[in-house]
């Protein structure tokens, strides 16, 4: 398995894993990129290809730990907002635009769970919904996002319904 295959297979779940823990999109993008640099540089150290998922997520955990340790050594500095063009290449093609286009109830649910890191039951309590409704909102939002990626960005779906391939998006260039 090469770095590109790992990115295609685990990129989205890994990004949301990181985002849920750091709760800052800019920091999540940085940790995500650093994680893939380490994956690429250390791919030859992967002893058991069957354990690639746990290996990838462990590298991300270590990156998050390193980030927390480095930030605790220094006086916190105000982060400058990056130009949108800087961050667009770091997240999946058109992702932020598609998130903004979601119906408000779906967007709010995803923000609570994936950006703010709340558990689904906590999100249900905040939104005044049942846990089943929150799960349905997440499932429907993911399906809407997946449909948008396929129609706009020309991603493909594999046999299990996951996005694969490279974007060929007229909107992003």
Protein backbone atom coordinates (compact mmCIF):
# COMPACT_ATOMS: atom_id res chain seq x y z
CA UNK A 1 0.00 0.00 0.00
CA UNK A 2 1.38 3.42 -0.91
CA UNK A 3 0.74 6.87 0.55
CA UNK A 4 -1.87 7.77 -2.05
CA UNK A 5 -3.86 4.60 -1.37
CA UNK A 6 -3.71 5.28 2.36
CA UNK A 7 -4.92 8.85 1.76
CA UNK A 8 -7.81 7.67 -0.42
CA UNK A 9 -8.87 4.99 2.03
CA UNK A 10 -8.34 6.75 5.36
CA UNK A 11 -8.08 10.47 4.52
CA UNK A 12 -11.60 11.59 5.41
CA UNK A 13 -12.02 9.52 8.59
CA UNK A 14 -8.54 10.57 9.71
CA UNK A 15 -9.25 14.26 9.11
CA UNK A 16 -12.49 14.09 11.14
CA UNK A 17 -10.69 12.11 13.86
CA UNK A 18 -8.11 14.89 14.13
CA UNK A 19 -10.69 17.67 13.90
CA UNK A 20 -12.75 16.14 16.67
CA UNK A 21 -9.74 16.21 18.97
CA UNK A 22 -8.16 19.58 18.16
CA UNK A 23 -11.44 21.44 17.53
CA UNK A 24 -9.84 23.96 15.19
CA UNK A 25 -9.98 23.55 11.42
CA UNK A 26 -6.65 25.27 10.71
CA UNK A 27 -4.85 23.17 13.33
CA UNK A 28 -6.58 20.02 12.07
CA UNK A 29 -5.31 20.73 8.55
CA UNK A 30 -1.76 21.18 9.87
CA UNK A 31 -1.88 17.98 11.93
CA UNK A 32 -3.42 16.12 8.97
CA UNK A 33 -0.63 17.25 6.65
CA UNK A 34 2.10 16.45 9.19
CA UNK A 35 0.56 13.03 9.70
CA UNK A 36 0.73 12.24 5.99
CA UNK A 37 4.30 13.49 5.74
CA UNK A 38 5.25 11.05 8.50
CA UNK A 39 3.22 8.26 6.88
CA UNK A 40 5.02 8.84 3.60
CA UNK A 41 8.47 9.05 5.20
CA UNK A 42 7.97 5.96 7.38
CA UNK A 43 5.90 3.70 5.14
CA UNK A 44 8.77 1.24 4.96
CA UNK A 45 8.50 0.74 8.74
CA UNK A 46 4.97 -0.66 8.51
CA UNK A 47 5.56 -4.31 9.36
CA UNK A 48 2.04 -5.69 8.97
CA UNK A 49 -0.05 -4.22 6.12
CA UNK A 50 -3.16 -5.61 7.83
CA UNK A 51 -2.62 -3.07 10.63
CA UNK A 52 -2.25 0.00 8.40
CA UNK A 53 -5.39 1.68 9.81
CA UNK A 54 -4.26 1.49 13.43
CA UNK A 55 -0.73 2.55 12.40
CA UNK A 56 -2.07 5.62 10.55
CA UNK A 57 -4.31 6.66 13.44
CA UNK A 58 -1.48 6.17 15.94
CA UNK A 59 0.71 8.53 13.92
CA UNK A 60 -2.12 11.08 14.05
CA UNK A 61 -2.47 10.61 17.82
CA UNK A 62 1.26 11.18 18.23
CA UNK A 63 1.06 14.33 16.09
CA UNK A 64 -1.75 15.66 18.30
CA UNK A 65 0.28 14.87 21.43
CA UNK A 66 3.34 16.62 19.93
CA UNK A 67 1.19 19.64 19.08
CA UNK A 68 -0.19 19.89 22.62
CA UNK A 69 3.29 19.50 24.10
CA UNK A 70 4.80 22.15 21.84
CA UNK A 71 1.99 24.62 22.49
CA UNK A 72 2.30 24.20 26.24
CA UNK A 73 5.99 25.21 26.09
CA UNK A 74 5.29 28.57 24.50
CA UNK A 75 3.10 31.52 25.25
CA UNK A 76 -0.01 31.11 23.14
CA UNK A 77 0.04 33.32 20.09
CA UNK A 78 -2.92 34.63 18.21
CA UNK A 79 -3.40 32.54 15.06
CA UNK A 80 -3.71 34.52 11.87
CA UNK A 81 -6.55 33.55 9.61
CA UNK A 82 -5.30 31.94 6.45
CA UNK A 83 -6.49 32.97 3.04
CA UNK A 84 -9.15 30.53 1.80
CA UNK A 85 -6.96 29.64 -1.15
CA UNK A 86 -4.30 28.39 1.29
CA UNK A 87 -6.65 25.99 3.03
CA UNK A 88 -8.58 24.81 0.03
CA UNK A 89 -5.85 22.45 -1.11
CA UNK A 90 -5.57 20.91 2.35
CA UNK A 91 -9.13 19.65 2.68
CA UNK A 92 -11.11 17.60 0.26
CA UNK A 93 -12.15 19.51 -2.85
CA UNK A 94 -15.09 21.91 -2.18
CA UNK A 95 -15.67 20.52 1.34
CA UNK A 96 -16.22 23.86 3.09
CA UNK A 97 -18.60 25.07 0.37
CA UNK A 98 -20.63 21.85 0.55
CA UNK A 99 -20.83 22.11 4.34
CA UNK A 100 -22.24 25.64 4.04
CA UNK A 101 -24.83 24.44 1.51
CA UNK A 102 -26.22 21.75 3.81
CA UNK A 103 -29.64 22.33 5.38
CA UNK A 104 -29.15 24.20 8.66
CA UNK A 105 -30.21 21.28 10.89
CA UNK A 106 -27.69 18.92 9.26
CA UNK A 107 -24.91 21.49 9.27
CA UNK A 108 -25.54 22.30 12.93
CA UNK A 109 -25.45 18.61 13.86
CA UNK A 110 -22.16 18.03 12.00
CA UNK A 111 -20.64 21.14 13.57
CA UNK A 112 -21.50 19.96 17.08
CA UNK A 113 -20.21 16.42 16.59
CA UNK A 114 -17.23 16.82 14.25
CA UNK A 115 -16.01 20.37 14.88
CA UNK A 116 -16.87 20.93 18.54
CA UNK A 117 -16.20 17.29 19.40
CA UNK A 118 -19.43 16.62 21.25
CA UNK A 119 -20.67 13.09 21.61
CA UNK A 120 -23.81 12.37 19.62
CA UNK A 121 -25.92 12.22 22.78
CA UNK A 122 -24.59 15.63 23.86
CA UNK A 123 -25.47 17.04 20.44
CA UNK A 124 -28.95 15.54 20.79
CA UNK A 125 -29.37 17.28 24.14
CA UNK A 126 -28.17 20.64 22.77
CA UNK A 127 -30.45 20.37 19.73
CA UNK A 128 -33.42 19.01 21.66
CA UNK A 129 -33.51 15.90 19.47
CA UNK A 130 -33.43 12.19 20.13
CA UNK A 131 -30.16 10.33 19.64
CA UNK A 132 -31.78 8.47 16.74
CA UNK A 133 -32.58 11.80 15.04
CA UNK A 134 -29.01 13.04 15.48
CA UNK A 135 -27.69 9.82 13.95
CA UNK A 136 -30.15 10.22 11.07
CA UNK A 137 -29.04 13.85 10.53
CA UNK A 138 -25.40 12.75 10.38
CA UNK A 139 -26.16 9.88 8.00
CA UNK A 140 -28.26 12.11 5.71
CA UNK A 141 -25.69 14.93 5.78
CA UNK A 142 -22.93 12.51 4.83
CA UNK A 143 -25.04 11.19 1.96
CA UNK A 144 -25.70 14.74 0.73
CA UNK A 145 -21.99 15.57 0.94
CA UNK A 146 -21.09 12.37 -0.87
CA UNK A 147 -23.59 13.15 -3.65
CA UNK A 148 -22.16 16.66 -4.02
CA UNK A 149 -18.59 15.30 -4.27
CA UNK A 150 -19.66 12.86 -6.98
CA UNK A 151 -21.68 15.36 -9.03
CA UNK A 152 -19.46 18.44 -8.68
CA UNK A 153 -15.94 17.11 -8.17
CA UNK A 154 -16.22 13.89 -10.18
CA UNK A 155 -15.17 11.57 -7.34
CA UNK A 156 -16.17 7.92 -7.73
CA UNK A 157 -17.78 5.57 -5.21
CA UNK A 158 -16.18 2.22 -4.43
CA UNK A 159 -18.10 -1.00 -3.76
CA UNK A 160 -18.65 -0.01 -0.12
CA UNK A 161 -19.95 3.45 -1.05
CA UNK A 162 -16.82 5.39 -0.07
CA UNK A 163 -15.43 8.24 -2.15
CA UNK A 164 -12.35 7.34 -4.17
CA UNK A 165 -10.29 8.92 -6.90
CA UNK A 166 -8.98 12.37 -7.55
CA UNK A 167 -11.13 15.49 -7.94
CA UNK A 168 -11.76 16.82 -11.42
CA UNK A 169 -13.70 19.89 -10.41
CA UNK A 170 -14.42 22.82 -12.67
CA UNK A 171 -15.22 24.91 -9.60
CA UNK A 172 -11.87 24.36 -7.86
CA UNK A 173 -9.68 24.21 -10.94
